[in-house]
């Protein structure tokens, strides 16, 4: 177990290439923009489906009268 932790630490310190702060900021902005776009697409789909279902229920409700 100790050897595993020692090797893991060695790999993280000496072999992993960590991003610079500007690279990290750029990646963060890309993820945030993509998340907002995805959320807006899901919102549009949700509103569209809600309106479609309301129209279907209204039409079916009027058929029964």
PDB file of N, CA and C in Angstrom:
ATOM      1  N   UNK A   1       0.824  -1.197   0.000  1.00  0.00           N
ATOM      2  CA  UNK A   1       0.000   0.000   0.000  1.00  0.00           C
ATOM      3  C   UNK A   1       0.873   1.268   0.000  1.00  0.00           C
ATOM      4  N   UNK A   2       1.911   1.242   0.816  1.00  0.00           N
ATOM      5  CA  UNK A   2       2.807   2.394   0.885  1.00  0.00           C
ATOM      6  C   UNK A   2       3.494   2.627  -0.451  1.00  0.00           C
ATOM      7  N   UNK A   3       3.891   1.547  -1.109  1.00  0.00           N
ATOM      8  CA  UNK A   3       4.555   1.658  -2.406  1.00  0.00           C
ATOM      9  C   UNK A   3       3.613   2.263  -3.449  1.00  0.00           C
ATOM     10  N   UNK A   4       2.334   1.873  -3.400  1.00  0.00           N
ATOM     11  CA  UNK A   4       1.343   2.419  -4.335  1.00  0.00           C
ATOM     12  C   UNK A   4       1.210   3.933  -4.159  1.00  0.00           C
ATOM     13  N   UNK A   5       1.099   4.387  -2.928  1.00  0.00           N
ATOM     14  CA  UNK A   5       0.971   5.818  -2.651  1.00  0.00           C
ATOM     15  C   UNK A   5       2.232   6.549  -3.092  1.00  0.00           C
ATOM     16  N   UNK A   6       3.395   5.964  -2.817  1.00  0.00           N
ATOM     17  CA  UNK A   6       4.669   6.574  -3.204  1.00  0.00           C
ATOM     18  C   UNK A   6       4.774   6.706  -4.722  1.00  0.00           C
ATOM     19  N   UNK A   7       4.405   5.648  -5.465  1.00  0.00           N
ATOM     20  CA  UNK A   7       4.463   5.691  -6.921  1.00  0.00           C
ATOM     21  C   UNK A   7       3.427   6.662  -7.497  1.00  0.00           C
ATOM     22  N   UNK A   8       2.266   6.703  -6.902  1.00  0.00           N
ATOM     23  CA  UNK A   8       1.230   7.637  -7.365  1.00  0.00           C
ATOM     24  C   UNK A   8       1.680   9.078  -7.180  1.00  0.00           C
ATOM     25  N   UNK A   9       2.256   9.376  -6.021  1.00  0.00           N
ATOM     26  CA  UNK A   9       2.759  10.715  -5.767  1.00  0.00           C
ATOM     27  C   UNK A   9       3.867  11.069  -6.750  1.00  0.00           C
ATOM     28  N   UNK A  10       4.771  10.145  -6.985  1.00  0.00           N
ATOM     29  CA  UNK A  10       5.873  10.377  -7.922  1.00  0.00           C
ATOM     30  C   UNK A  10       5.341  10.663  -9.321  1.00  0.00           C
ATOM     31  N   UNK A  11       4.328   9.919  -9.725  1.00  0.00           N
ATOM     32  CA  UNK A  11       3.757  10.141 -11.053  1.00  0.00           C
ATOM     33  C   UNK A  11       3.083  11.506 -11.143  1.00  0.00           C
ATOM     34  N   UNK A  12       2.331  11.880 -10.122  1.00  0.00           N
ATOM     35  CA  UNK A  12       1.647  13.178 -10.135  1.00  0.00           C
ATOM     36  C   UNK A  12       2.629  14.348 -10.138  1.00  0.00           C
ATOM     37  N   UNK A  13       3.738  14.195  -9.430  1.00  0.00           N
ATOM     38  CA  UNK A  13       4.700  15.294  -9.329  1.00  0.00           C
ATOM     39  C   UNK A  13       5.607  15.371 -10.547  1.00  0.00           C
ATOM     40  N   UNK A  14       6.065  14.230 -11.060  1.00  0.00           N
ATOM     41  CA  UNK A  14       7.095  14.247 -12.091  1.00  0.00           C
ATOM     42  C   UNK A  14       6.620  13.934 -13.503  1.00  0.00           C
ATOM     43  N   UNK A  15       5.505  13.241 -13.676  1.00  0.00           N
ATOM     44  CA  UNK A  15       5.118  12.801 -15.011  1.00  0.00           C
ATOM     45  C   UNK A  15       3.880  13.508 -15.566  1.00  0.00           C
ATOM     46  N   UNK A  16       3.051  14.046 -14.693  1.00  0.00           N
ATOM     47  CA  UNK A  16       1.820  14.698 -15.144  1.00  0.00           C
ATOM     48  C   UNK A  16       2.141  16.117 -15.581  1.00  0.00           C
ATOM     49  N   UNK A  17       1.588  16.518 -16.723  1.00  0.00           N
ATOM     50  CA  UNK A  17       1.752  17.882 -17.192  1.00  0.00           C
ATOM     51  C   UNK A  17       0.531  18.681 -16.769  1.00  0.00           C
ATOM     52  N   UNK A  18       0.722  19.606 -15.854  1.00  0.00           N
ATOM     53  CA  UNK A  18      -0.381  20.403 -15.347  1.00  0.00           C
ATOM     54  C   UNK A  18      -0.557  21.635 -16.234  1.00  0.00           C
ATOM     55  N   UNK A  19      -1.796  22.062 -16.461  1.00  0.00           N
ATOM     56  CA  UNK A  19      -2.020  23.249 -17.302  1.00  0.00           C
ATOM     57  C   UNK A  19      -1.587  24.520 -16.575  1.00  0.00           C
ATOM     58  N   UNK A  20      -1.223  25.514 -17.380  1.00  0.00           N
ATOM     59  CA  UNK A  20      -0.916  26.815 -16.802  1.00  0.00           C
ATOM     60  C   UNK A  20      -2.225  27.501 -16.423  1.00  0.00           C
ATOM     61  N   UNK A  21      -2.122  28.559 -15.644  1.00  0.00           N
ATOM     62  CA  UNK A  21      -3.334  29.251 -15.210  1.00  0.00           C
ATOM     63  C   UNK A  21      -4.123  29.834 -16.388  1.00  0.00           C
ATOM     64  N   UNK A  22      -3.485  30.453 -17.382  1.00  0.00           N
ATOM     65  CA  UNK A  22      -4.261  30.933 -18.544  1.00  0.00           C
ATOM     66  C   UNK A  22      -4.948  29.796 -19.313  1.00  0.00           C
ATOM     67  N   UNK A  23      -4.285  28.642 -19.433  1.00  0.00           N
ATOM     68  CA  UNK A  23      -4.912  27.501 -20.095  1.00  0.00           C
ATOM     69  C   UNK A  23      -6.120  27.027 -19.298  1.00  0.00           C
ATOM     70  N   UNK A  24      -5.983  27.022 -17.993  1.00  0.00           N
ATOM     71  CA  UNK A  24      -7.076  26.598 -17.117  1.00  0.00           C
ATOM     72  C   UNK A  24      -8.257  27.559 -17.231  1.00  0.00           C
ATOM     73  N   UNK A  25      -7.987  28.855 -17.267  1.00  0.00           N
ATOM     74  CA  UNK A  25      -9.048  29.839 -17.429  1.00  0.00           C
ATOM     75  C   UNK A  25      -9.757  29.663 -18.765  1.00  0.00           C
ATOM     76  N   UNK A  26      -9.000  29.455 -19.817  1.00  0.00           N
ATOM     77  CA  UNK A  26      -9.580  29.279 -21.143  1.00  0.00           C
ATOM     78  C   UNK A  26     -10.475  28.048 -21.185  1.00  0.00           C
ATOM     79  N   UNK A  27     -10.001  26.957 -20.626  1.00  0.00           N
ATOM     80  CA  UNK A  27     -10.800  25.726 -20.602  1.00  0.00           C
ATOM     81  C   UNK A  27     -12.069  25.906 -19.771  1.00  0.00           C
ATOM     82  N   UNK A  28     -11.952  26.623 -18.673  1.00  0.00           N
ATOM     83  CA  UNK A  28     -13.109  26.873 -17.819  1.00  0.00           C
ATOM     84  C   UNK A  28     -14.161  27.681 -18.556  1.00  0.00           C
ATOM     85  N   UNK A  29     -13.740  28.687 -19.306  1.00  0.00           N
ATOM     86  CA  UNK A  29     -14.681  29.506 -20.069  1.00  0.00           C
ATOM     87  C   UNK A  29     -15.371  28.666 -21.135  1.00  0.00           C
ATOM     88  N   UNK A  30     -14.628  27.807 -21.810  1.00  0.00           N
ATOM     89  CA  UNK A  30     -15.217  26.932 -22.832  1.00  0.00           C
ATOM     90  C   UNK A  30     -16.276  26.030 -22.212  1.00  0.00           C
ATOM     91  N   UNK A  31     -15.977  25.449 -21.062  1.00  0.00           N
ATOM     92  CA  UNK A  31     -16.939  24.565 -20.389  1.00  0.00           C
ATOM     93  C   UNK A  31     -18.173  25.348 -19.949  1.00  0.00           C
ATOM     94  N   UNK A  32     -17.980  26.555 -19.428  1.00  0.00           N
ATOM     95  CA  UNK A  32     -19.125  27.366 -18.987  1.00  0.00           C
ATOM     96  C   UNK A  32     -20.021  27.742 -20.157  1.00  0.00           C
ATOM     97  N   UNK A  33     -19.439  28.153 -21.267  1.00  0.00           N
ATOM     98  CA  UNK A  33     -20.223  28.530 -22.445  1.00  0.00           C
ATOM     99  C   UNK A  33     -20.968  27.315 -22.995  1.00  0.00           C
ATOM    100  N   UNK A  34     -20.295  26.182 -23.068  1.00  0.00           N
ATOM    101  CA  UNK A  34     -20.942  24.966 -23.555  1.00  0.00           C
ATOM    102  C   UNK A  34     -22.091  24.559 -22.633  1.00  0.00           C
ATOM    103  N   UNK A  35     -21.915  24.709 -21.327  1.00  0.00           N
ATOM    104  CA  UNK A  35     -22.970  24.378 -20.372  1.00  0.00           C
ATOM    105  C   UNK A  35     -24.181  25.288 -20.536  1.00  0.00           C
ATOM    106  N   UNK A  36     -23.947  26.571 -20.752  1.00  0.00           N
ATOM    107  CA  UNK A  36     -25.057  27.504 -20.955  1.00  0.00           C
ATOM    108  C   UNK A  36     -25.798  27.186 -22.249  1.00  0.00           C
ATOM    109  N   UNK A  37     -25.065  26.906 -23.313  1.00  0.00           N
ATOM    110  CA  UNK A  37     -25.703  26.556 -24.588  1.00  0.00           C
ATOM    111  C   UNK A  37     -26.528  25.286 -24.434  1.00  0.00           C
ATOM    112  N   UNK A  38     -25.983  24.275 -23.775  1.00  0.00           N
ATOM    113  CA  UNK A  38     -26.703  23.028 -23.555  1.00  0.00           C
ATOM    114  C   UNK A  38     -27.962  23.268 -22.718  1.00  0.00           C
ATOM    115  N   UNK A  39     -27.850  24.092 -21.674  1.00  0.00           N
ATOM    116  CA  UNK A  39     -29.007  24.402 -20.832  1.00  0.00           C
ATOM    117  C   UNK A  39     -30.087  25.129 -21.627  1.00  0.00           C
ATOM    118  N   UNK A  40     -29.700  26.036 -22.509  1.00  0.00           N
ATOM    119  CA  UNK A  40     -30.684  26.760 -23.329  1.00  0.00           C
ATOM    120  C   UNK A  40     -31.377  25.816 -24.314  1.00  0.00           C
ATOM    121  N   UNK A  41     -30.636  24.875 -24.867  1.00  0.00           N
ATOM    122  CA  UNK A  41     -31.242  23.898 -25.779  1.00  0.00           C
ATOM    123  C   UNK A  41     -32.242  23.033 -25.035  1.00  0.00           C
ATOM    124  N   UNK A  42     -31.884  22.570 -23.840  1.00  0.00           N
ATOM    125  CA  UNK A  42     -32.807  21.761 -23.043  1.00  0.00           C
ATOM    126  C   UNK A  42     -34.031  22.581 -22.644  1.00  0.00           C
ATOM    127  N   UNK A  43     -33.839  23.837 -22.297  1.00  0.00           N
ATOM    128  CA  UNK A  43     -34.960  24.718 -21.959  1.00  0.00           C
ATOM    129  C   UNK A  43     -35.905  24.873 -23.141  1.00  0.00           C
ATOM    130  N   UNK A  44     -35.360  25.105 -24.331  1.00  0.00           N
ATOM    131  CA  UNK A  44     -36.192  25.257 -25.526  1.00  0.00           C
ATOM    132  C   UNK A  44     -36.965  23.975 -25.817  1.00  0.00           C
ATOM    133  N   UNK A  45     -36.312  22.829 -25.669  1.00  0.00           N
ATOM    134  CA  UNK A  45     -36.998  21.556 -25.887  1.00  0.00           C
ATOM    135  C   UNK A  45     -38.111  21.355 -24.858  1.00  0.00           C
ATOM    136  N   UNK A  46     -37.853  21.712 -23.611  1.00  0.00           N
ATOM    137  CA  UNK A  46     -38.837  21.557 -22.545  1.00  0.00           C
ATOM    138  C   UNK A  46     -40.055  22.440 -22.784  1.00  0.00           C
ATOM    139  N   UNK A  47     -39.827  23.695 -23.149  1.00  0.00           N
ATOM    140  CA  UNK A  47     -40.942  24.609 -23.410  1.00  0.00           C
ATOM    141  C   UNK A  47     -41.739  24.148 -24.630  1.00  0.00           C
ATOM    142  N   UNK A  48     -41.039  23.711 -25.664  1.00  0.00           N
ATOM    143  CA  UNK A  48     -41.726  23.221 -26.866  1.00  0.00           C
ATOM    144  C   UNK A  48     -42.580  21.999 -26.548  1.00  0.00           C
ATOM    145  N   UNK A  49     -42.030  21.059 -25.801  1.00  0.00           N
ATOM    146  CA  UNK A  49     -42.778  19.854 -25.457  1.00  0.00           C
ATOM    147  C   UNK A  49     -43.974  20.199 -24.568  1.00  0.00           C
ATOM    148  N   UNK A  50     -43.782  21.134 -23.644  1.00  0.00           N
ATOM    149  CA  UNK A  50     -44.883  21.557 -22.776  1.00  0.00           C
ATOM    150  C   UNK A  50     -46.021  22.161 -23.598  1.00  0.00           C
ATOM    151  N   UNK A  51     -45.681  23.021 -24.547  1.00  0.00           N
ATOM    152  CA  UNK A  51     -46.710  23.638 -25.396  1.00  0.00           C
ATOM    153  C   UNK A  51     -47.381  22.606 -26.294  1.00  0.00           C
ATOM    154  N   UNK A  52     -46.620  21.676 -26.833  1.00  0.00           N
ATOM    155  CA  UNK A  52     -47.181  20.619 -27.668  1.00  0.00           C
ATOM    156  C   UNK A  52     -48.160  19.762 -26.875  1.00  0.00           C
ATOM    157  N   UNK A  53     -47.777  19.364 -25.690  1.00  0.00           N
ATOM    158  CA  UNK A  53     -48.647  18.535 -24.864  1.00  0.00           C
ATOM    159  C   UNK A  53     -49.901  19.311 -24.441  1.00  0.00           C
ATOM    160  N   UNK A  54     -49.767  20.591 -24.140  1.00  0.00           N
ATOM    161  CA  UNK A  54     -50.939  21.399 -23.782  1.00  0.00           C
ATOM    162  C   UNK A  54     -51.904  21.472 -24.961  1.00  0.00           C
ATOM    163  N   UNK A  55     -51.381  21.633 -26.173  1.00  0.00           N
ATOM    164  CA  UNK A  55     -52.240  21.686 -27.359  1.00  0.00           C
ATOM    165  C   UNK A  55     -52.931  20.345 -27.594  1.00  0.00           C
ATOM    166  N   UNK A  56     -52.209  19.257 -27.400  1.00  0.00           N
ATOM    167  CA  UNK A  56     -52.808  17.926 -27.578  1.00  0.00           C
ATOM    168  C   UNK A  56     -53.905  17.698 -26.553  1.00  0.00           C
ATOM    169  N   UNK A  57     -53.650  18.013 -25.291  1.00  0.00           N
ATOM    170  CA  UNK A  57     -54.663  17.825 -24.250  1.00  0.00           C
ATOM    171  C   UNK A  57     -55.881  18.714 -24.484  1.00  0.00           C
ATOM    172  N   UNK A  58     -55.634  19.931 -24.955  1.00  0.00           N
ATOM    173  CA  UNK A  58     -56.762  20.831 -25.228  1.00  0.00           C
ATOM    174  C   UNK A  58     -57.597  20.272 -26.363  1.00  0.00           C
ATOM    175  N   UNK A  59     -56.958  19.782 -27.422  1.00  0.00           N
ATOM    176  CA  UNK A  59     -57.685  19.210 -28.557  1.00  0.00           C
ATOM    177  C   UNK A  59     -58.449  17.966 -28.144  1.00  0.00           C
ATOM    178  N   UNK A  60     -57.834  17.089 -27.400  1.00  0.00           N
ATOM    179  CA  UNK A  60     -58.501  15.872 -26.945  1.00  0.00           C
ATOM    180  C   UNK A  60     -59.636  16.187 -25.971  1.00  0.00           C
ATOM    181  N   UNK A  61     -59.453  17.220 -25.165  1.00  0.00           N
ATOM    182  CA  UNK A  61     -60.497  17.613 -24.228  1.00  0.00           C
ATOM    183  C   UNK A  61     -61.720  18.167 -24.936  1.00  0.00           C
ATOM    184  N   UNK A  62     -61.504  18.862 -26.054  1.00  0.00           N
ATOM    185  CA  UNK A  62     -62.628  19.421 -26.810  1.00  0.00           C
ATOM    186  C   UNK A  62     -63.360  18.346 -27.593  1.00  0.00           C
ATOM    187  N   UNK A  63     -62.715  17.245 -27.916  1.00  0.00           N
ATOM    188  CA  UNK A  63     -63.369  16.165 -28.654  1.00  0.00           C
ATOM    189  C   UNK A  63     -64.417  15.451 -27.806  1.00  0.00           C
ATOM    190  N   UNK A  64     -64.217  15.423 -26.507  1.00  0.00           N
ATOM    191  CA  UNK A  64     -65.120  14.725 -25.628  1.00  0.00           C
ATOM    192  C   UNK A  64     -66.392  15.488 -25.333  1.00  0.00           C
ATOM    193  N   UNK A  65     -66.487  16.736 -25.726  1.00  0.00           N
ATOM    194  CA  UNK A  65     -67.670  17.541 -25.415  1.00  0.00           C
ATOM    195  C   UNK A  65     -68.726  17.446 -26.446  1.00  0.00           C
TER     196      UNK A  65
END
